[in-house]
């Protein structure tokens, strides 16, 4: 499991994207979003791109412990349904 940084800004999104490109797409990916205090549109786009790649390979993205800020940002962007899909019970 990977923990997302508290300030998931554009620089962090690029670093996350570069790192995630090295991950095997042969299994589900779980991210802990409990520490996220700020998330930019670019960061959300990197998560959507990761999910797309995983789904093309028959796997899924799961998010655990989404912080209030993470949840509110995705909801404000109209992505509440996607957040629900990512939720790991």
N, C-alpha and C. Protein backbone atom coordinates (compact mmCIF):
# COMPACT_ATOMS: atom_id res chain seq x y z
N UNK A 1 0.85 -1.18 0.00
CA UNK A 1 0.00 0.00 0.00
C UNK A 1 0.89 1.24 0.00
N UNK A 2 0.49 2.21 -0.77
CA UNK A 2 1.20 3.48 -0.85
C UNK A 2 0.37 4.55 -0.15
N UNK A 3 1.03 5.38 0.63
CA UNK A 3 0.36 6.49 1.30
C UNK A 3 0.59 7.76 0.50
N UNK A 4 -0.49 8.43 0.17
CA UNK A 4 -0.40 9.69 -0.56
C UNK A 4 0.09 10.79 0.38
N UNK A 5 0.84 11.73 -0.18
CA UNK A 5 1.41 12.82 0.62
C UNK A 5 0.33 13.81 1.02
N UNK A 6 0.60 14.56 2.09
CA UNK A 6 -0.37 15.53 2.59
C UNK A 6 -0.62 16.65 1.58
N UNK A 7 0.44 17.14 0.95
CA UNK A 7 0.32 18.19 -0.05
C UNK A 7 0.46 17.55 -1.43
N UNK A 8 -0.64 16.99 -1.92
CA UNK A 8 -0.64 16.30 -3.21
C UNK A 8 -0.85 17.35 -4.30
N UNK A 9 0.19 18.19 -4.46
CA UNK A 9 0.14 19.29 -5.42
C UNK A 9 0.71 18.83 -6.76
N UNK A 10 0.93 19.76 -7.68
CA UNK A 10 1.38 19.39 -9.02
C UNK A 10 2.74 18.71 -9.01
N UNK A 11 3.67 19.19 -8.21
CA UNK A 11 4.99 18.56 -8.13
C UNK A 11 4.85 17.14 -7.60
N UNK A 12 4.09 16.97 -6.53
CA UNK A 12 3.87 15.63 -5.97
C UNK A 12 3.15 14.73 -6.97
N UNK A 13 2.24 15.31 -7.75
CA UNK A 13 1.51 14.52 -8.75
C UNK A 13 2.45 13.99 -9.82
N UNK A 14 3.38 14.83 -10.26
CA UNK A 14 4.36 14.39 -11.26
C UNK A 14 5.25 13.29 -10.68
N UNK A 15 5.68 13.46 -9.45
CA UNK A 15 6.51 12.44 -8.79
C UNK A 15 5.72 11.14 -8.62
N UNK A 16 4.46 11.26 -8.23
CA UNK A 16 3.61 10.08 -8.08
C UNK A 16 3.44 9.38 -9.42
N UNK A 17 3.18 10.14 -10.48
CA UNK A 17 3.00 9.57 -11.80
C UNK A 17 4.26 8.84 -12.26
N UNK A 18 5.41 9.45 -12.06
CA UNK A 18 6.67 8.81 -12.45
C UNK A 18 6.88 7.51 -11.69
N UNK A 19 6.55 7.51 -10.43
CA UNK A 19 6.69 6.31 -9.61
C UNK A 19 5.68 5.24 -10.02
N UNK A 20 4.44 5.65 -10.24
CA UNK A 20 3.38 4.71 -10.57
C UNK A 20 3.60 4.04 -11.92
N UNK A 21 4.29 4.71 -12.82
CA UNK A 21 4.58 4.11 -14.13
C UNK A 21 5.45 2.87 -14.01
N UNK A 22 6.15 2.74 -12.90
CA UNK A 22 7.02 1.58 -12.66
C UNK A 22 6.28 0.42 -12.01
N UNK A 23 5.06 0.67 -11.53
CA UNK A 23 4.31 -0.37 -10.83
C UNK A 23 3.77 -1.39 -11.83
N UNK A 24 3.76 -2.67 -11.42
CA UNK A 24 3.12 -3.67 -12.29
C UNK A 24 1.61 -3.45 -12.29
N UNK A 25 1.01 -3.65 -13.44
CA UNK A 25 -0.44 -3.48 -13.56
C UNK A 25 -1.15 -4.82 -13.47
N UNK A 26 -0.46 -5.79 -12.89
CA UNK A 26 -0.99 -7.15 -12.81
C UNK A 26 -1.71 -7.42 -11.49
N UNK A 27 -1.97 -6.36 -10.73
CA UNK A 27 -2.68 -6.53 -9.46
C UNK A 27 -3.37 -5.22 -9.09
N UNK A 28 -4.31 -5.30 -8.18
CA UNK A 28 -4.99 -4.10 -7.69
C UNK A 28 -3.96 -3.21 -6.97
N UNK A 29 -4.24 -1.92 -6.96
CA UNK A 29 -3.39 -0.96 -6.25
C UNK A 29 -4.23 -0.31 -5.17
N UNK A 30 -3.68 -0.27 -3.96
CA UNK A 30 -4.36 0.36 -2.82
C UNK A 30 -3.56 1.57 -2.38
N UNK A 31 -4.25 2.69 -2.25
CA UNK A 31 -3.63 3.94 -1.80
C UNK A 31 -4.30 4.39 -0.51
N UNK A 32 -3.49 4.84 0.43
CA UNK A 32 -4.01 5.41 1.67
C UNK A 32 -4.05 6.93 1.48
N UNK A 33 -5.23 7.51 1.53
CA UNK A 33 -5.40 8.96 1.33
C UNK A 33 -5.71 9.67 2.64
N UNK A 34 -5.39 9.06 3.75
CA UNK A 34 -5.73 9.61 5.06
C UNK A 34 -4.97 10.86 5.44
N UNK A 35 -3.80 11.08 4.84
CA UNK A 35 -2.97 12.24 5.18
C UNK A 35 -3.18 13.43 4.25
N UNK A 36 -3.95 13.25 3.18
CA UNK A 36 -4.10 14.30 2.17
C UNK A 36 -4.84 15.51 2.75
N UNK A 37 -4.16 16.66 2.69
CA UNK A 37 -4.75 17.93 3.14
C UNK A 37 -5.04 18.85 1.97
N UNK A 38 -4.36 18.62 0.85
CA UNK A 38 -4.50 19.46 -0.35
C UNK A 38 -4.26 18.56 -1.56
N UNK A 39 -5.15 18.63 -2.54
CA UNK A 39 -4.99 17.84 -3.75
C UNK A 39 -5.39 18.69 -4.95
N UNK A 40 -4.51 18.73 -5.95
CA UNK A 40 -4.76 19.55 -7.13
C UNK A 40 -5.47 18.74 -8.22
N UNK A 41 -5.95 19.46 -9.21
CA UNK A 41 -6.60 18.80 -10.35
C UNK A 41 -5.64 17.84 -11.04
N UNK A 42 -4.38 18.25 -11.20
CA UNK A 42 -3.40 17.36 -11.84
C UNK A 42 -3.22 16.08 -11.03
N UNK A 43 -3.22 16.18 -9.72
CA UNK A 43 -3.09 14.99 -8.88
C UNK A 43 -4.29 14.06 -9.07
N UNK A 44 -5.48 14.63 -9.14
CA UNK A 44 -6.66 13.81 -9.39
C UNK A 44 -6.56 13.15 -10.75
N UNK A 45 -6.09 13.89 -11.74
CA UNK A 45 -5.93 13.32 -13.08
C UNK A 45 -4.95 12.15 -13.09
N UNK A 46 -3.90 12.22 -12.29
CA UNK A 46 -2.96 11.09 -12.23
C UNK A 46 -3.63 9.86 -11.63
N UNK A 47 -4.49 10.07 -10.64
CA UNK A 47 -5.22 8.94 -10.07
C UNK A 47 -6.19 8.34 -11.08
N UNK A 48 -6.85 9.20 -11.84
CA UNK A 48 -7.77 8.72 -12.87
C UNK A 48 -7.02 7.95 -13.96
N UNK A 49 -5.85 8.43 -14.34
CA UNK A 49 -5.04 7.74 -15.34
C UNK A 49 -4.57 6.38 -14.83
N UNK A 50 -4.16 6.34 -13.56
CA UNK A 50 -3.75 5.07 -12.96
C UNK A 50 -4.92 4.10 -12.95
N UNK A 51 -6.08 4.58 -12.54
CA UNK A 51 -7.25 3.70 -12.53
C UNK A 51 -7.56 3.18 -13.92
N UNK A 52 -7.48 4.04 -14.91
CA UNK A 52 -7.76 3.63 -16.29
C UNK A 52 -6.81 2.52 -16.73
N UNK A 53 -5.54 2.68 -16.45
CA UNK A 53 -4.56 1.65 -16.81
C UNK A 53 -4.83 0.33 -16.09
N UNK A 54 -5.15 0.43 -14.82
CA UNK A 54 -5.46 -0.78 -14.05
C UNK A 54 -6.70 -1.48 -14.60
N UNK A 55 -7.74 -0.71 -14.88
CA UNK A 55 -8.99 -1.31 -15.38
C UNK A 55 -8.78 -1.97 -16.74
N UNK A 56 -7.93 -1.40 -17.57
CA UNK A 56 -7.64 -2.01 -18.87
C UNK A 56 -6.96 -3.37 -18.71
N UNK A 57 -6.34 -3.58 -17.54
CA UNK A 57 -5.66 -4.84 -17.27
C UNK A 57 -6.46 -5.73 -16.31
N UNK A 58 -7.72 -5.38 -16.09
CA UNK A 58 -8.59 -6.20 -15.27
C UNK A 58 -8.42 -6.02 -13.77
N UNK A 59 -7.85 -4.89 -13.35
CA UNK A 59 -7.63 -4.65 -11.93
C UNK A 59 -8.25 -3.32 -11.52
N UNK A 60 -8.14 -3.01 -10.24
CA UNK A 60 -8.80 -1.79 -9.78
C UNK A 60 -7.93 -0.99 -8.83
N UNK A 61 -8.28 0.27 -8.72
CA UNK A 61 -7.67 1.19 -7.77
C UNK A 61 -8.56 1.23 -6.54
N UNK A 62 -7.94 1.12 -5.38
CA UNK A 62 -8.69 1.22 -4.13
C UNK A 62 -8.06 2.29 -3.27
N UNK A 63 -8.89 3.06 -2.58
CA UNK A 63 -8.42 4.13 -1.71
C UNK A 63 -8.94 3.85 -0.31
N UNK A 64 -8.02 3.85 0.65
CA UNK A 64 -8.41 3.63 2.04
C UNK A 64 -8.30 4.94 2.81
N UNK A 65 -9.09 5.07 3.82
CA UNK A 65 -9.07 6.19 4.76
C UNK A 65 -8.99 7.56 4.09
N UNK A 66 -9.84 7.83 3.10
CA UNK A 66 -9.76 9.15 2.46
C UNK A 66 -10.01 10.27 3.47
N UNK A 67 -9.12 11.24 3.49
CA UNK A 67 -9.28 12.37 4.40
C UNK A 67 -10.50 13.20 3.99
N UNK A 68 -10.92 14.05 4.88
CA UNK A 68 -12.04 14.93 4.58
C UNK A 68 -11.71 15.82 3.39
N UNK A 69 -10.48 16.34 3.35
CA UNK A 69 -10.08 17.21 2.24
C UNK A 69 -10.06 16.46 0.92
N UNK A 70 -9.57 15.24 0.91
CA UNK A 70 -9.55 14.40 -0.29
C UNK A 70 -10.98 14.18 -0.78
N UNK A 71 -11.84 13.78 0.15
CA UNK A 71 -13.24 13.50 -0.18
C UNK A 71 -13.95 14.75 -0.70
N UNK A 72 -13.77 15.87 -0.01
CA UNK A 72 -14.45 17.11 -0.42
C UNK A 72 -13.98 17.58 -1.79
N UNK A 73 -12.68 17.47 -2.06
CA UNK A 73 -12.17 17.92 -3.36
C UNK A 73 -12.74 17.08 -4.48
N UNK A 74 -12.72 15.76 -4.34
CA UNK A 74 -13.27 14.92 -5.39
C UNK A 74 -14.77 15.14 -5.56
N UNK A 75 -15.47 15.34 -4.46
CA UNK A 75 -16.91 15.61 -4.53
C UNK A 75 -17.17 16.93 -5.23
N UNK A 76 -16.39 17.97 -4.89
CA UNK A 76 -16.54 19.27 -5.53
C UNK A 76 -16.26 19.20 -7.03
N UNK A 77 -15.42 18.26 -7.45
CA UNK A 77 -15.09 18.09 -8.86
C UNK A 77 -16.12 17.23 -9.58
N UNK A 78 -17.14 16.79 -8.86
CA UNK A 78 -18.18 15.96 -9.46
C UNK A 78 -17.77 14.50 -9.58
N UNK A 79 -16.83 14.07 -8.75
CA UNK A 79 -16.29 12.71 -8.84
C UNK A 79 -16.70 11.84 -7.65
N UNK A 80 -17.82 12.15 -7.04
CA UNK A 80 -18.26 11.37 -5.88
C UNK A 80 -18.48 9.90 -6.23
N UNK A 81 -19.01 9.64 -7.43
CA UNK A 81 -19.24 8.25 -7.84
C UNK A 81 -17.92 7.50 -8.02
N UNK A 82 -16.92 8.19 -8.53
CA UNK A 82 -15.61 7.55 -8.69
C UNK A 82 -15.00 7.29 -7.33
N UNK A 83 -15.12 8.25 -6.42
CA UNK A 83 -14.61 8.05 -5.07
C UNK A 83 -15.28 6.85 -4.42
N UNK A 84 -16.57 6.69 -4.63
CA UNK A 84 -17.29 5.55 -4.09
C UNK A 84 -16.76 4.25 -4.69
N UNK A 85 -16.45 4.26 -5.99
CA UNK A 85 -15.90 3.08 -6.66
C UNK A 85 -14.52 2.73 -6.11
N UNK A 86 -13.75 3.75 -5.75
CA UNK A 86 -12.41 3.52 -5.21
C UNK A 86 -12.42 3.07 -3.77
N UNK A 87 -13.52 3.30 -3.07
CA UNK A 87 -13.57 3.00 -1.63
C UNK A 87 -13.33 1.54 -1.35
N UNK A 88 -12.43 1.29 -0.41
CA UNK A 88 -12.16 -0.06 0.03
C UNK A 88 -12.79 -0.23 1.40
N UNK A 89 -13.71 -1.14 1.45
CA UNK A 89 -14.43 -1.39 2.71
C UNK A 89 -13.54 -2.10 3.70
